[in-house]
């Protein structure tokens, strides 16, 4: 299952997010979305975990928690729309 993480500190690194979510289960991938022009973080990421159970635990525990000085938004990622 893929998790959306928003309101990220722009200095957050993928390995920091992997460490944060690893406490809930195996993290398959972490992708911080970056601006194509500047290469800077857009302030959100997608995290793929190995099971729905691990994802649900992470969402419940981390939604609106503080990470690198910001209250992060954590929920199930919605499928990309073609609009």
C-alpha atoms as a PDB file:
ATOM      1  CA  UNK A   1       0.000   0.000   0.000  1.00  0.00           C
ATOM      2  CA  UNK A   2       1.187   3.524  -0.769  1.00  0.00           C
ATOM      3  CA  UNK A   3       1.023   6.292   1.831  1.00  0.00           C
ATOM      4  CA  UNK A   4       0.938  10.029   1.126  1.00  0.00           C
ATOM      5  CA  UNK A   5       2.959  12.246   3.481  1.00  0.00           C
ATOM      6  CA  UNK A   6       2.372  15.986   3.227  1.00  0.00           C
ATOM      7  CA  UNK A   7       3.541  19.200   4.913  1.00  0.00           C
ATOM      8  CA  UNK A   8       7.094  17.870   4.984  1.00  0.00           C
ATOM      9  CA  UNK A   9      10.025  20.005   5.995  1.00  0.00           C
ATOM     10  CA  UNK A  10      11.857  20.868   2.749  1.00  0.00           C
ATOM     11  CA  UNK A  11      15.083  19.552   4.290  1.00  0.00           C
ATOM     12  CA  UNK A  12      13.624  16.069   4.940  1.00  0.00           C
ATOM     13  CA  UNK A  13      15.578  13.234   3.314  1.00  0.00           C
ATOM     14  CA  UNK A  14      14.235   9.946   2.000  1.00  0.00           C
ATOM     15  CA  UNK A  15      16.344   7.935   4.448  1.00  0.00           C
ATOM     16  CA  UNK A  16      14.890   9.919   7.389  1.00  0.00           C
ATOM     17  CA  UNK A  17      11.368   9.076   6.255  1.00  0.00           C
ATOM     18  CA  UNK A  18      12.318   5.429   5.742  1.00  0.00           C
ATOM     19  CA  UNK A  19      13.647   5.323   9.322  1.00  0.00           C
ATOM     20  CA  UNK A  20      10.475   6.963  10.675  1.00  0.00           C
ATOM     21  CA  UNK A  21       8.139   4.496   8.935  1.00  0.00           C
ATOM     22  CA  UNK A  22      10.329   1.411   9.501  1.00  0.00           C
ATOM     23  CA  UNK A  23       9.055   1.225  13.074  1.00  0.00           C
ATOM     24  CA  UNK A  24       5.699   0.051  11.697  1.00  0.00           C
ATOM     25  CA  UNK A  25       6.832  -2.513   9.126  1.00  0.00           C
ATOM     26  CA  UNK A  26       9.008  -3.014   6.077  1.00  0.00           C
ATOM     27  CA  UNK A  27       9.362   0.077   3.898  1.00  0.00           C
ATOM     28  CA  UNK A  28       9.567  -0.918   0.232  1.00  0.00           C
ATOM     29  CA  UNK A  29      10.229   2.561  -1.190  1.00  0.00           C
ATOM     30  CA  UNK A  30      10.311   6.262  -0.310  1.00  0.00           C
ATOM     31  CA  UNK A  31       9.942   8.974  -2.956  1.00  0.00           C
ATOM     32  CA  UNK A  32      10.108  12.664  -2.058  1.00  0.00           C
ATOM     33  CA  UNK A  33       8.525  14.604  -4.906  1.00  0.00           C
ATOM     34  CA  UNK A  34      10.852  17.289  -6.263  1.00  0.00           C
ATOM     35  CA  UNK A  35      10.427  20.247  -8.580  1.00  0.00           C
ATOM     36  CA  UNK A  36      11.711  19.391 -12.066  1.00  0.00           C
ATOM     37  CA  UNK A  37      13.371  22.778 -12.543  1.00  0.00           C
ATOM     38  CA  UNK A  38      15.015  23.472  -9.184  1.00  0.00           C
ATOM     39  CA  UNK A  39      15.317  19.958  -7.785  1.00  0.00           C
ATOM     40  CA  UNK A  40      13.913  21.212  -4.459  1.00  0.00           C
ATOM     41  CA  UNK A  41      11.409  19.188  -2.472  1.00  0.00           C
ATOM     42  CA  UNK A  42       7.760  20.074  -3.060  1.00  0.00           C
ATOM     43  CA  UNK A  43       7.029  19.199   0.579  1.00  0.00           C
ATOM     44  CA  UNK A  44       5.381  15.831   0.080  1.00  0.00           C
ATOM     45  CA  UNK A  45       6.324  12.207  -0.450  1.00  0.00           C
ATOM     46  CA  UNK A  46       4.977   8.755  -1.168  1.00  0.00           C
ATOM     47  CA  UNK A  47       5.965   5.765   0.931  1.00  0.00           C
ATOM     48  CA  UNK A  48       5.253   2.196  -0.078  1.00  0.00           C
ATOM     49  CA  UNK A  49       5.013  -0.361   2.710  1.00  0.00           C
ATOM     50  CA  UNK A  50       4.929  -4.146   2.438  1.00  0.00           C
ATOM     51  CA  UNK A  51       1.523  -4.669   4.049  1.00  0.00           C
ATOM     52  CA  UNK A  52      -1.764  -2.870   4.519  1.00  0.00           C
ATOM     53  CA  UNK A  53      -1.584  -3.599   8.249  1.00  0.00           C
ATOM     54  CA  UNK A  54       1.792  -1.835   8.553  1.00  0.00           C
ATOM     55  CA  UNK A  55       0.492   1.080   6.487  1.00  0.00           C
ATOM     56  CA  UNK A  56      -2.606   1.470   8.659  1.00  0.00           C
ATOM     57  CA  UNK A  57      -0.526   1.433  11.854  1.00  0.00           C
ATOM     58  CA  UNK A  58       1.842   4.068  10.452  1.00  0.00           C
ATOM     59  CA  UNK A  59      -1.047   6.294   9.327  1.00  0.00           C
ATOM     60  CA  UNK A  60      -2.758   6.113  12.735  1.00  0.00           C
ATOM     61  CA  UNK A  61       0.457   6.767  14.659  1.00  0.00           C
ATOM     62  CA  UNK A  62       2.030   9.455  12.480  1.00  0.00           C
ATOM     63  CA  UNK A  63      -0.870  11.552  11.127  1.00  0.00           C
ATOM     64  CA  UNK A  64      -0.533  15.085  12.532  1.00  0.00           C
ATOM     65  CA  UNK A  65       2.640  14.121  14.412  1.00  0.00           C
ATOM     66  CA  UNK A  66       5.701  16.355  14.436  1.00  0.00           C
ATOM     67  CA  UNK A  67       8.582  15.506  12.103  1.00  0.00           C
ATOM     68  CA  UNK A  68      11.530  17.902  11.698  1.00  0.00           C
ATOM     69  CA  UNK A  69       9.521  20.710  13.272  1.00  0.00           C
ATOM     70  CA  UNK A  70       6.375  20.369  11.145  1.00  0.00           C
ATOM     71  CA  UNK A  71       3.042  18.652  11.732  1.00  0.00           C
ATOM     72  CA  UNK A  72       2.884  16.089   8.929  1.00  0.00           C
ATOM     73  CA  UNK A  73      -0.199  14.836   7.098  1.00  0.00           C
ATOM     74  CA  UNK A  74      -0.202  11.044   6.673  1.00  0.00           C
ATOM     75  CA  UNK A  75      -2.931   9.149   4.824  1.00  0.00           C
ATOM     76  CA  UNK A  76      -3.581   6.586   2.102  1.00  0.00           C
ATOM     77  CA  UNK A  77      -2.424   7.799  -1.278  1.00  0.00           C
ATOM     78  CA  UNK A  78      -5.209   8.331  -3.792  1.00  0.00           C
ATOM     79  CA  UNK A  79      -4.790   6.998  -7.332  1.00  0.00           C
ATOM     80  CA  UNK A  80      -3.395   9.574  -9.736  1.00  0.00           C
ATOM     81  CA  UNK A  81      -6.208  11.229 -11.691  1.00  0.00           C
ATOM     82  CA  UNK A  82      -5.969  11.769 -15.438  1.00  0.00           C
ATOM     83  CA  UNK A  83      -7.376  15.259 -15.227  1.00  0.00           C
END
